[in-house]
N, C-alpha and C. Protein backbone atom coordinates (compact mmCIF):
# COMPACT_ATOMS: atom_id res chain seq x y z
N MET A 1 44.36 -4.63 29.26
CA MET A 1 44.60 -5.37 28.03
C MET A 1 43.76 -6.65 28.05
N PRO A 2 42.82 -6.83 27.12
CA PRO A 2 42.01 -8.04 27.09
C PRO A 2 42.85 -9.26 26.70
N LEU A 3 42.54 -10.37 27.31
CA LEU A 3 43.23 -11.62 27.01
C LEU A 3 42.19 -12.66 26.62
N THR A 4 42.67 -13.83 26.24
CA THR A 4 41.73 -14.88 25.86
C THR A 4 40.81 -15.20 27.02
N ASP A 5 39.69 -15.73 26.76
CA ASP A 5 38.62 -16.12 27.67
C ASP A 5 38.12 -14.97 28.53
N GLY A 6 38.33 -13.72 28.08
CA GLY A 6 37.79 -12.57 28.78
C GLY A 6 38.60 -12.12 29.98
N HIS A 7 39.69 -12.79 30.28
CA HIS A 7 40.52 -12.38 31.42
C HIS A 7 41.18 -11.05 31.10
N ARG A 8 41.11 -10.12 32.06
CA ARG A 8 41.62 -8.78 31.82
C ARG A 8 42.60 -8.40 32.93
N ILE A 9 43.76 -7.87 32.53
CA ILE A 9 44.74 -7.35 33.46
C ILE A 9 45.11 -5.96 33.00
N GLU A 10 45.09 -5.02 33.93
CA GLU A 10 45.50 -3.66 33.63
C GLU A 10 46.47 -3.20 34.70
N THR A 11 47.47 -2.45 34.29
CA THR A 11 48.41 -1.88 35.25
C THR A 11 48.49 -0.38 35.01
N ARG A 12 48.83 0.33 36.09
CA ARG A 12 49.07 1.76 35.98
C ARG A 12 49.89 2.19 37.19
N ARG A 13 50.62 3.26 37.01
CA ARG A 13 51.38 3.82 38.12
C ARG A 13 50.38 4.32 39.16
N SER A 14 50.59 3.93 40.39
CA SER A 14 49.67 4.31 41.46
C SER A 14 49.94 5.75 41.91
N THR A 15 48.87 6.43 42.27
CA THR A 15 49.00 7.76 42.87
C THR A 15 48.94 7.66 44.39
N LYS A 16 48.87 6.45 44.91
CA LYS A 16 48.73 6.23 46.36
C LYS A 16 50.08 5.95 47.02
N HIS A 17 50.13 6.28 48.29
CA HIS A 17 51.28 5.94 49.12
C HIS A 17 51.02 4.54 49.67
N VAL A 18 51.89 3.59 49.35
CA VAL A 18 51.71 2.20 49.77
C VAL A 18 52.66 1.91 50.93
N ARG A 19 52.10 1.34 51.98
CA ARG A 19 52.89 0.99 53.17
C ARG A 19 52.58 -0.46 53.54
N VAL A 20 53.62 -1.22 53.83
CA VAL A 20 53.47 -2.63 54.17
C VAL A 20 54.10 -2.83 55.55
N GLU A 21 53.33 -3.42 56.46
CA GLU A 21 53.81 -3.65 57.82
C GLU A 21 53.54 -5.08 58.25
N LEU A 22 54.32 -5.50 59.22
CA LEU A 22 54.09 -6.78 59.89
C LEU A 22 54.38 -6.57 61.37
N ASP A 23 53.37 -6.75 62.19
CA ASP A 23 53.51 -6.57 63.64
C ASP A 23 54.13 -5.21 63.97
N GLY A 24 53.70 -4.16 63.27
CA GLY A 24 54.16 -2.81 63.55
C GLY A 24 55.48 -2.43 62.89
N GLU A 25 56.16 -3.37 62.28
CA GLU A 25 57.43 -3.06 61.61
C GLU A 25 57.17 -2.79 60.13
N VAL A 26 57.70 -1.67 59.64
CA VAL A 26 57.53 -1.30 58.24
C VAL A 26 58.46 -2.16 57.38
N LEU A 27 57.86 -2.88 56.43
CA LEU A 27 58.63 -3.72 55.50
C LEU A 27 58.81 -3.05 54.14
N ALA A 28 57.89 -2.16 53.80
CA ALA A 28 57.97 -1.45 52.53
C ALA A 28 57.17 -0.17 52.64
N GLU A 29 57.64 0.84 51.91
CA GLU A 29 56.92 2.11 51.85
C GLU A 29 57.29 2.76 50.53
N SER A 30 56.27 3.13 49.74
CA SER A 30 56.56 3.62 48.39
C SER A 30 55.50 4.58 47.87
N ASP A 31 55.98 5.54 47.12
CA ASP A 31 55.12 6.43 46.33
C ASP A 31 55.30 6.12 44.85
N ARG A 32 55.93 4.96 44.55
CA ARG A 32 56.24 4.59 43.17
C ARG A 32 55.66 3.23 42.79
N ALA A 33 54.62 2.82 43.47
CA ALA A 33 54.03 1.50 43.21
C ALA A 33 53.30 1.46 41.88
N VAL A 34 53.17 0.26 41.36
CA VAL A 34 52.36 -0.01 40.17
C VAL A 34 51.14 -0.79 40.65
N GLU A 35 49.96 -0.33 40.27
CA GLU A 35 48.71 -1.03 40.60
C GLU A 35 48.44 -2.07 39.52
N LEU A 36 48.07 -3.26 39.95
CA LEU A 36 47.67 -4.30 39.01
C LEU A 36 46.22 -4.65 39.30
N HIS A 37 45.37 -4.45 38.30
CA HIS A 37 43.95 -4.77 38.38
C HIS A 37 43.72 -6.01 37.53
N GLU A 38 43.20 -7.06 38.17
CA GLU A 38 43.01 -8.34 37.48
C GLU A 38 41.62 -8.88 37.79
N GLY A 39 40.75 -8.78 36.80
CA GLY A 39 39.39 -9.29 36.97
C GLY A 39 38.73 -8.74 38.21
N SER A 40 38.12 -9.62 39.00
CA SER A 40 37.42 -9.19 40.22
C SER A 40 38.32 -9.27 41.46
N LEU A 41 39.60 -9.58 41.28
CA LEU A 41 40.52 -9.65 42.41
C LEU A 41 40.78 -8.26 42.97
N PRO A 42 41.14 -8.18 44.25
CA PRO A 42 41.51 -6.87 44.81
C PRO A 42 42.75 -6.31 44.10
N VAL A 43 42.90 -5.00 44.10
CA VAL A 43 44.08 -4.37 43.52
C VAL A 43 45.32 -4.90 44.21
N ARG A 44 46.34 -5.21 43.44
CA ARG A 44 47.64 -5.63 43.97
C ARG A 44 48.63 -4.50 43.68
N TYR A 45 49.49 -4.25 44.65
CA TYR A 45 50.49 -3.19 44.51
C TYR A 45 51.86 -3.82 44.34
N TYR A 46 52.55 -3.45 43.28
CA TYR A 46 53.91 -3.91 43.00
C TYR A 46 54.85 -2.75 43.29
N VAL A 47 55.83 -3.00 44.17
CA VAL A 47 56.68 -1.94 44.71
C VAL A 47 58.13 -2.16 44.25
N PRO A 48 58.83 -1.07 43.88
CA PRO A 48 60.24 -1.22 43.54
C PRO A 48 61.04 -1.77 44.73
N ARG A 49 62.00 -2.62 44.45
CA ARG A 49 62.81 -3.23 45.51
C ARG A 49 63.49 -2.19 46.39
N GLU A 50 63.84 -1.05 45.81
CA GLU A 50 64.50 0.00 46.58
C GLU A 50 63.62 0.52 47.70
N ASP A 51 62.31 0.29 47.60
CA ASP A 51 61.36 0.76 48.61
C ASP A 51 60.93 -0.36 49.56
N VAL A 52 61.59 -1.50 49.47
CA VAL A 52 61.28 -2.67 50.29
C VAL A 52 62.48 -2.99 51.17
N ARG A 53 62.23 -3.36 52.41
CA ARG A 53 63.32 -3.76 53.32
C ARG A 53 63.77 -5.16 52.94
N MET A 54 64.49 -5.26 51.83
CA MET A 54 64.95 -6.55 51.33
C MET A 54 65.88 -7.24 52.33
N ASP A 55 66.52 -6.45 53.21
CA ASP A 55 67.40 -7.03 54.23
C ASP A 55 66.63 -7.88 55.23
N LEU A 56 65.31 -7.68 55.30
CA LEU A 56 64.47 -8.46 56.22
C LEU A 56 63.81 -9.66 55.54
N LEU A 57 63.87 -9.71 54.21
CA LEU A 57 63.19 -10.78 53.48
C LEU A 57 64.15 -11.91 53.13
N ILE A 58 63.60 -13.12 53.12
CA ILE A 58 64.38 -14.31 52.80
C ILE A 58 63.75 -14.98 51.58
N PRO A 59 64.55 -15.24 50.53
CA PRO A 59 63.98 -15.95 49.38
C PRO A 59 63.38 -17.29 49.82
N SER A 60 62.22 -17.60 49.28
CA SER A 60 61.50 -18.82 49.60
C SER A 60 61.66 -19.82 48.46
N PRO A 61 61.58 -21.10 48.75
CA PRO A 61 61.61 -22.09 47.67
C PRO A 61 60.29 -22.15 46.89
N THR A 62 59.27 -21.47 47.38
CA THR A 62 57.95 -21.50 46.74
C THR A 62 58.00 -20.84 45.36
N ARG A 63 57.36 -21.47 44.40
CA ARG A 63 57.22 -20.94 43.05
C ARG A 63 55.78 -21.18 42.61
N SER A 64 55.29 -20.32 41.73
CA SER A 64 53.95 -20.53 41.17
C SER A 64 53.96 -20.05 39.72
N HIS A 65 52.94 -20.45 39.00
CA HIS A 65 52.82 -20.05 37.60
C HIS A 65 51.43 -19.46 37.38
N CYS A 66 51.40 -18.30 36.75
CA CYS A 66 50.15 -17.67 36.33
C CYS A 66 50.12 -17.71 34.80
N PRO A 67 49.05 -18.22 34.22
CA PRO A 67 48.99 -18.29 32.76
C PRO A 67 48.93 -16.91 32.09
N PHE A 68 48.73 -15.85 32.89
CA PHE A 68 48.60 -14.51 32.33
C PHE A 68 49.81 -13.62 32.62
N LYS A 69 50.61 -14.00 33.64
CA LYS A 69 51.75 -13.16 34.01
C LYS A 69 53.08 -13.90 33.92
N GLY A 70 53.10 -15.19 34.18
CA GLY A 70 54.35 -15.96 34.11
C GLY A 70 54.66 -16.65 35.42
N ASP A 71 55.95 -16.85 35.69
CA ASP A 71 56.40 -17.58 36.88
C ASP A 71 56.78 -16.61 37.99
N ALA A 72 56.28 -16.89 39.19
CA ALA A 72 56.54 -16.02 40.34
C ALA A 72 57.44 -16.74 41.34
N SER A 73 58.30 -15.95 41.97
CA SER A 73 59.09 -16.43 43.10
C SER A 73 58.64 -15.66 44.33
N TYR A 74 58.93 -16.21 45.51
CA TYR A 74 58.39 -15.66 46.75
C TYR A 74 59.49 -15.31 47.75
N PHE A 75 59.12 -14.43 48.69
CA PHE A 75 60.00 -14.03 49.77
C PHE A 75 59.21 -14.11 51.07
N SER A 76 59.86 -14.59 52.11
CA SER A 76 59.25 -14.64 53.43
C SER A 76 59.81 -13.51 54.29
N ALA A 77 58.98 -13.01 55.19
CA ALA A 77 59.40 -12.03 56.18
C ALA A 77 59.42 -12.75 57.53
N PRO A 78 60.16 -12.23 58.50
CA PRO A 78 60.16 -12.89 59.81
C PRO A 78 58.73 -13.03 60.35
N GLY A 79 58.28 -14.26 60.50
CA GLY A 79 56.94 -14.53 61.01
C GLY A 79 55.85 -14.58 59.94
N ALA A 80 56.21 -14.44 58.68
CA ALA A 80 55.20 -14.46 57.60
C ALA A 80 55.78 -15.15 56.38
N ARG A 81 55.43 -16.42 56.23
CA ARG A 81 55.92 -17.22 55.10
C ARG A 81 55.31 -16.72 53.80
N ASP A 82 56.14 -16.62 52.76
CA ASP A 82 55.70 -16.22 51.42
C ASP A 82 54.86 -14.94 51.46
N ALA A 83 55.37 -13.93 52.15
CA ALA A 83 54.65 -12.68 52.35
C ALA A 83 54.69 -11.76 51.13
N PHE A 84 55.63 -12.00 50.22
CA PHE A 84 55.78 -11.19 49.02
C PHE A 84 56.04 -12.11 47.84
N TRP A 85 55.72 -11.64 46.62
CA TRP A 85 56.09 -12.39 45.42
C TRP A 85 56.60 -11.42 44.37
N SER A 86 57.25 -11.98 43.37
CA SER A 86 57.80 -11.18 42.28
C SER A 86 57.81 -12.00 41.00
N TYR A 87 57.52 -11.33 39.91
CA TYR A 87 57.68 -11.92 38.58
C TYR A 87 58.97 -11.35 38.01
N GLU A 88 60.04 -12.12 38.09
CA GLU A 88 61.34 -11.64 37.64
C GLU A 88 61.37 -11.47 36.12
N GLN A 89 60.77 -12.40 35.41
CA GLN A 89 60.71 -12.33 33.95
C GLN A 89 59.28 -12.64 33.50
N PRO A 90 58.37 -11.69 33.72
CA PRO A 90 56.98 -11.94 33.32
C PRO A 90 56.84 -11.96 31.81
N PHE A 91 55.69 -12.37 31.35
CA PHE A 91 55.41 -12.33 29.93
C PHE A 91 55.58 -10.90 29.41
N ASP A 92 55.91 -10.76 28.14
CA ASP A 92 56.23 -9.46 27.57
C ASP A 92 55.18 -8.39 27.84
N ASP A 93 53.91 -8.76 27.79
CA ASP A 93 52.87 -7.75 28.00
C ASP A 93 52.71 -7.35 29.47
N ARG A 94 53.52 -7.93 30.34
CA ARG A 94 53.51 -7.58 31.76
C ARG A 94 54.89 -7.08 32.21
N ALA A 95 55.69 -6.60 31.28
CA ALA A 95 57.05 -6.14 31.58
C ALA A 95 57.07 -5.03 32.63
N ASP A 96 55.96 -4.32 32.79
CA ASP A 96 55.91 -3.21 33.75
C ASP A 96 55.97 -3.66 35.21
N ILE A 97 55.81 -4.96 35.48
CA ILE A 97 55.92 -5.45 36.86
C ILE A 97 57.19 -6.28 37.08
N ALA A 98 58.02 -6.38 36.06
CA ALA A 98 59.24 -7.20 36.15
C ALA A 98 60.12 -6.74 37.31
N GLY A 99 60.43 -7.68 38.20
CA GLY A 99 61.34 -7.41 39.30
C GLY A 99 60.74 -6.65 40.46
N LEU A 100 59.52 -6.14 40.31
CA LEU A 100 58.87 -5.44 41.42
C LEU A 100 58.38 -6.47 42.44
N ILE A 101 58.16 -6.02 43.67
CA ILE A 101 57.76 -6.91 44.76
C ILE A 101 56.31 -6.61 45.16
N ALA A 102 55.48 -7.63 45.23
CA ALA A 102 54.08 -7.46 45.63
C ALA A 102 53.85 -8.09 47.00
N PRO A 103 53.32 -7.32 47.95
CA PRO A 103 52.99 -7.89 49.26
C PRO A 103 51.69 -8.68 49.19
N TRP A 104 51.59 -9.71 50.01
CA TRP A 104 50.41 -10.56 50.06
C TRP A 104 49.51 -10.08 51.20
N PRO A 105 48.43 -9.35 50.87
CA PRO A 105 47.53 -8.88 51.92
C PRO A 105 46.99 -10.06 52.73
N GLY A 106 46.97 -9.88 54.03
CA GLY A 106 46.54 -10.96 54.93
C GLY A 106 47.74 -11.62 55.58
N ARG A 107 48.82 -11.74 54.84
CA ARG A 107 50.07 -12.25 55.43
C ARG A 107 50.88 -11.08 55.99
N VAL A 108 50.72 -9.92 55.36
CA VAL A 108 51.26 -8.66 55.86
C VAL A 108 50.15 -7.62 55.72
N GLU A 109 50.27 -6.51 56.44
CA GLU A 109 49.26 -5.46 56.36
C GLU A 109 49.65 -4.48 55.26
N VAL A 110 48.76 -4.30 54.30
CA VAL A 110 49.01 -3.39 53.18
C VAL A 110 48.00 -2.27 53.24
N THR A 111 48.51 -1.03 53.27
CA THR A 111 47.62 0.14 53.22
C THR A 111 48.05 0.99 52.04
N ALA A 112 47.06 1.57 51.38
CA ALA A 112 47.30 2.46 50.26
C ALA A 112 46.40 3.68 50.44
N SER A 113 47.03 4.83 50.58
CA SER A 113 46.24 6.05 50.83
C SER A 113 46.74 7.22 50.00
């Protein structure tokens, strides 16, 4: 979907198996991820909470704002601060990622195959 100033965000249901690990421990595993393509940024995978080990994550006080998606909240994993984020109430045109959890590559290991 084109936005002002040429910024483009597209989402689609992923056909890939997404796995998120930290130090060998699986934090998330899903065949139901949503891919988010945003400009020249790497693909981000948004995973349903049911496929995330939410029992291992701790809500973080960190918040951020994206002018294209809305306000994000963060979750930390043991040994990885702000390792995941979520848009609980994104802008209407991004409703497909509402409440899904996105892992932060580099803070956790994300593989999609």
